[in-house]
Amino acid sequence: MTDVPVILLDEKQNLFFYRGCPVRLAPTTFKLMALLAKRPGEVVTKDEIYAHLWPEFSNTGTSSNPYDRQISDHKRRIAVQMRKVIKDERGNETDDPKDLITTRRKIGYFLNLNRAQVFVLS
């Protein structure tokens, strides 16, 4: 019997599964998760995230601080949506995904999983 990856992500169909359960994510939130899922355990810098999510603003030379809040909001939305799908039949959370995406202060973010736990279809 093969183990199901913790995260399965299909970029072509915009599908995201956490522990085998489908998770609905808004387009920009999905793009952030896809970027992190391609590099599990590796820090993705804020500049890389800005360039990926907002390419039209990534090379303007202006402060990127306004986007820090947006990235945090997307990170929170991912955890909220995952919590919705991992409740057991009594409504209790069986797993807490809040630490799945970890912040490296002033550097970036990383997916707190190893490569064997993540499968990305491109």
C-alpha atoms as a PDB file:
ATOM      1  CA  MET A   1       0.000   0.000   0.000  1.00  0.00           C
ATOM      2  CA  THR A   2       1.406   3.391  -0.958  1.00  0.00           C
ATOM      3  CA  ASP A   3       1.122   6.396   1.272  1.00  0.00           C
ATOM      4  CA  VAL A   4      -0.983   9.310   0.115  1.00  0.00           C
ATOM      5  CA  PRO A   5       1.068  12.515   0.070  1.00  0.00           C
ATOM      6  CA  VAL A   6       0.142  15.164   2.611  1.00  0.00           C
ATOM      7  CA  ILE A   7      -0.275  17.604  -0.283  1.00  0.00           C
ATOM      8  CA  LEU A   8      -1.314  16.798  -3.832  1.00  0.00           C
ATOM      9  CA  LEU A   9      -1.514  19.743  -6.195  1.00  0.00           C
ATOM     10  CA  ASP A  10      -2.596  19.733  -9.854  1.00  0.00           C
ATOM     11  CA  GLU A  11      -1.642  23.042 -11.458  1.00  0.00           C
ATOM     12  CA  LYS A  12      -3.385  22.432 -14.784  1.00  0.00           C
ATOM     13  CA  GLN A  13      -6.733  21.801 -13.159  1.00  0.00           C
ATOM     14  CA  ASN A  14      -6.198  24.101 -10.156  1.00  0.00           C
ATOM     15  CA  LEU A  15      -6.856  21.268  -7.725  1.00  0.00           C
ATOM     16  CA  PHE A  16      -5.402  21.086  -4.231  1.00  0.00           C
ATOM     17  CA  PHE A  17      -5.743  18.158  -1.843  1.00  0.00           C
ATOM     18  CA  TYR A  18      -4.654  18.047   1.783  1.00  0.00           C
ATOM     19  CA  ARG A  19      -4.424  14.552   3.288  1.00  0.00           C
ATOM     20  CA  GLY A  20      -6.584  13.265   0.427  1.00  0.00           C
ATOM     21  CA  CYS A  21      -9.335  15.855   0.926  1.00  0.00           C
ATOM     22  CA  PRO A  22     -10.085  18.510  -1.715  1.00  0.00           C
ATOM     23  CA  VAL A  23      -9.442  22.080  -0.554  1.00  0.00           C
ATOM     24  CA  ARG A  24     -10.913  25.093  -2.328  1.00  0.00           C
ATOM     25  CA  LEU A  25      -8.503  27.983  -2.773  1.00  0.00           C
ATOM     26  CA  ALA A  26      -8.941  31.316  -4.537  1.00  0.00           C
ATOM     27  CA  PRO A  27      -6.692  31.738  -7.615  1.00  0.00           C
ATOM     28  CA  THR A  28      -3.995  33.879  -5.982  1.00  0.00           C
ATOM     29  CA  THR A  29      -3.980  31.726  -2.855  1.00  0.00           C
ATOM     30  CA  PHE A  30      -3.632  28.633  -5.065  1.00  0.00           C
ATOM     31  CA  LYS A  31      -0.674  30.247  -6.867  1.00  0.00           C
ATOM     32  CA  LEU A  32       1.066  30.860  -3.532  1.00  0.00           C
ATOM     33  CA  MET A  33       0.474  27.271  -2.425  1.00  0.00           C
ATOM     34  CA  ALA A  34       1.724  25.954  -5.782  1.00  0.00           C
ATOM     35  CA  LEU A  35       4.917  27.993  -5.491  1.00  0.00           C
ATOM     36  CA  LEU A  36       5.595  26.686  -1.977  1.00  0.00           C
ATOM     37  CA  ALA A  37       4.616  23.103  -2.877  1.00  0.00           C
ATOM     38  CA  LYS A  38       7.192  22.990  -5.670  1.00  0.00           C
ATOM     39  CA  ARG A  39       9.908  23.669  -3.093  1.00  0.00           C
ATOM     40  CA  PRO A  40       8.892  21.953   0.168  1.00  0.00           C
ATOM     41  CA  GLY A  41      11.222  22.585   3.086  1.00  0.00           C
ATOM     42  CA  GLU A  42      12.961  25.375   1.181  1.00  0.00           C
ATOM     43  CA  VAL A  43      12.538  29.070   1.996  1.00  0.00           C
ATOM     44  CA  VAL A  44      10.860  31.004  -0.799  1.00  0.00           C
ATOM     45  CA  THR A  45      11.839  34.648  -0.446  1.00  0.00           C
ATOM     46  CA  LYS A  46       9.307  37.431  -0.309  1.00  0.00           C
ATOM     47  CA  ASP A  47      10.730  38.865  -3.542  1.00  0.00           C
ATOM     48  CA  GLU A  48      10.154  35.534  -5.295  1.00  0.00           C
ATOM     49  CA  ILE A  49       6.589  35.451  -4.004  1.00  0.00           C
ATOM     50  CA  TYR A  50       5.940  39.051  -5.100  1.00  0.00           C
ATOM     51  CA  ALA A  51       7.314  38.315  -8.573  1.00  0.00           C
ATOM     52  CA  HIS A  52       5.172  35.178  -8.836  1.00  0.00           C
ATOM     53  CA  LEU A  53       1.902  36.637  -7.510  1.00  0.00           C
ATOM     54  CA  TRP A  54       2.197  40.234  -8.666  1.00  0.00           C
ATOM     55  CA  PRO A  55       4.692  40.334 -11.571  1.00  0.00           C
ATOM     56  CA  GLU A  56       3.502  43.756 -12.697  1.00  0.00           C
ATOM     57  CA  PHE A  57       4.668  45.277  -9.412  1.00  0.00           C
ATOM     58  CA  SER A  58       7.754  43.193  -8.664  1.00  0.00           C
ATOM     59  CA  ASN A  59      10.311  45.379 -10.437  1.00  0.00           C
ATOM     60  CA  THR A  60       8.970  48.835  -9.644  1.00  0.00           C
ATOM     61  CA  GLY A  61      11.672  49.626  -7.072  1.00  0.00           C
ATOM     62  CA  THR A  62       9.016  50.550  -4.526  1.00  0.00           C
ATOM     63  CA  SER A  63       8.632  49.087  -1.084  1.00  0.00           C
ATOM     64  CA  SER A  64       6.971  45.682  -1.119  1.00  0.00           C
ATOM     65  CA  ASN A  65       5.643  46.048   2.424  1.00  0.00           C
ATOM     66  CA  PRO A  66       2.002  46.479   1.295  1.00  0.00           C
ATOM     67  CA  TYR A  67       2.141  42.902   0.017  1.00  0.00           C
ATOM     68  CA  ASP A  68       3.415  41.461   3.303  1.00  0.00           C
ATOM     69  CA  ARG A  69      -0.091  41.666   4.737  1.00  0.00           C
ATOM     70  CA  GLN A  70      -1.573  40.070   1.626  1.00  0.00           C
ATOM     71  CA  ILE A  71       0.835  37.133   1.823  1.00  0.00           C
ATOM     72  CA  SER A  72      -0.075  36.650   5.495  1.00  0.00           C
ATOM     73  CA  ASP A  73      -3.759  36.754   4.547  1.00  0.00           C
ATOM     74  CA  HIS A  74      -3.234  34.086   1.872  1.00  0.00           C
ATOM     75  CA  LYS A  75      -1.308  31.946   4.367  1.00  0.00           C
ATOM     76  CA  ARG A  76      -4.211  32.254   6.835  1.00  0.00           C
ATOM     77  CA  ARG A  77      -6.789  31.436   4.128  1.00  0.00           C
ATOM     78  CA  ILE A  78      -4.926  28.242   3.239  1.00  0.00           C
ATOM     79  CA  ALA A  79      -4.981  27.089   6.887  1.00  0.00           C
ATOM     80  CA  VAL A  80      -8.678  28.009   7.272  1.00  0.00           C
ATOM     81  CA  GLN A  81      -9.695  26.096   4.155  1.00  0.00           C
ATOM     82  CA  MET A  82      -7.652  23.048   5.191  1.00  0.00           C
ATOM     83  CA  ARG A  83      -9.233  23.064   8.659  1.00  0.00           C
ATOM     84  CA  LYS A  84     -12.677  22.900   7.049  1.00  0.00           C
ATOM     85  CA  VAL A  85     -11.876  19.620   5.314  1.00  0.00           C
ATOM     86  CA  ILE A  86     -10.097  17.823   8.157  1.00  0.00           C
ATOM     87  CA  LYS A  87     -12.865  17.846  10.714  1.00  0.00           C
ATOM     88  CA  ASP A  88     -14.023  14.427  11.788  1.00  0.00           C
ATOM     89  CA  GLU A  89     -17.679  13.405  11.899  1.00  0.00           C
ATOM     90  CA  ARG A  90     -18.079  14.986  15.364  1.00  0.00           C
ATOM     91  CA  GLY A  91     -16.731  18.324  14.178  1.00  0.00           C
ATOM     92  CA  ASN A  92     -13.384  17.979  15.939  1.00  0.00           C
ATOM     93  CA  GLU A  93     -10.202  18.871  14.133  1.00  0.00           C
ATOM     94  CA  THR A  94      -8.131  15.780  13.493  1.00  0.00           C
ATOM     95  CA  ASP A  95      -5.048  17.728  12.436  1.00  0.00           C
ATOM     96  CA  ASP A  96      -3.952  21.357  12.727  1.00  0.00           C
ATOM     97  CA  PRO A  97      -2.427  22.773   9.543  1.00  0.00           C
ATOM     98  CA  LYS A  98      -1.605  26.190  11.013  1.00  0.00           C
ATOM     99  CA  ASP A  99       2.126  25.459  11.048  1.00  0.00           C
ATOM    100  CA  LEU A 100       2.184  23.939   7.581  1.00  0.00           C
ATOM    101  CA  ILE A 101       3.449  27.211   6.111  1.00  0.00           C
ATOM    102  CA  THR A 102       6.153  28.721   8.292  1.00  0.00           C
ATOM    103  CA  THR A 103       7.308  32.331   8.203  1.00  0.00           C
ATOM    104  CA  ARG A 104      10.995  33.174   8.187  1.00  0.00           C
ATOM    105  CA  ARG A 105      10.866  36.701   9.503  1.00  0.00           C
ATOM    106  CA  LYS A 106      12.093  39.287   6.971  1.00  0.00           C
ATOM    107  CA  ILE A 107      13.131  36.525   4.555  1.00  0.00           C
ATOM    108  CA  GLY A 108      10.164  34.542   3.288  1.00  0.00           C
ATOM    109  CA  TYR A 109       8.050  31.435   3.804  1.00  0.00           C
ATOM    110  CA  PHE A 110       8.431  27.699   3.506  1.00  0.00           C
ATOM    111  CA  LEU A 111       6.212  24.656   3.370  1.00  0.00           C
ATOM    112  CA  ASN A 112       6.998  22.638   6.481  1.00  0.00           C
ATOM    113  CA  LEU A 113       7.054  19.277   4.662  1.00  0.00           C
ATOM    114  CA  ASN A 114       9.650  17.190   2.860  1.00  0.00           C
ATOM    115  CA  ARG A 115       9.618  16.280  -0.829  1.00  0.00           C
ATOM    116  CA  ALA A 116       8.160  12.827  -0.195  1.00  0.00           C
ATOM    117  CA  GLN A 117       5.095  14.415   1.415  1.00  0.00           C
ATOM    118  CA  VAL A 118       4.256  16.656  -1.551  1.00  0.00           C
ATOM    119  CA  PHE A 119       3.236  15.699  -5.074  1.00  0.00           C
ATOM    120  CA  VAL A 120       2.794  18.403  -7.736  1.00  0.00           C
ATOM    121  CA  LEU A 121       1.386  17.760 -11.186  1.00  0.00           C
ATOM    122  CA  SER A 122       2.401  20.491 -13.619  1.00  0.00           C
END
